[in-house]
Amino acid sequence: MTVLEIGSRQAKNQRRMADLRSLFPAAKYLGTDMIDGPGVDQVADAEKLPFADGSFDLVLCLETFEHAKRPWLVAAEIERVVSDKGIIIVSSQQNFPLHKHPADYFRYTPFGLSSFFEHFKSKLVFTISPPFEDEVKANPQHVVVAATKMENKKLMAAVKQDLIKNKSTISVHKPYRHRLFDLIKFFKRGLAEIQYRQEIEFF
């Protein structure tokens, strides 16, 4: 099995959760990024990947699309380098603060991210977010697309069942200090609503 990860560079505060290689112990794993660093085997431009057509059984592009200036070109390259029987997993954000690695360009709805992969025969599109105010439906944090070039409804159904079965595992990754910071932010936001006003920022 051959795995390509696009956007594999691990930031200092992400190394424990961003290193995916242990999930594929028997695979030939290649991590690429536009900047060299931990987790990067080969520096490459995702808009023009230096690999032959159909080179990989699995292509991962996680929390990277928001940093792509021309994401449609990255999507085309993902489609080109994944094998006919392969699978892609692409994730990005809809409701998330600006974060520059080194730039931050876009946010995606489930429909928007999915639209980049219209030629794929089977697709599973889902969102991940806290259930507060039904955000997982209306304004999700993370949007994910899993897709295969060839029709494979059985695989998509199996992935869906695994996600449902392991939802409790997915739900425990947020550090407690982050939960505390978000709780404080929630109360500060409530107090700010008493004297509501708009602000302007220039970039």
Foldseek 3Di string as FASTA:
>chain_A
DEEEEEPQAADPVGVVPSDCCVVPVPYHYAYEYCDDHPRHPYHDDLLDGPDQFQQGQEYEYEQCLQQDPCSLSSLVSVNGHHHQFHKYKYKHFQDDDFDPPPGGHDHDDQVRVVVSPVQFQDKDKAADADCVVPCRPVPGGMIMMMTHNDDDVVVNVVVVVVCVVCVVVVPPPDDPVVVVVVVVVVVVVVVCVVVDDDDDDDD
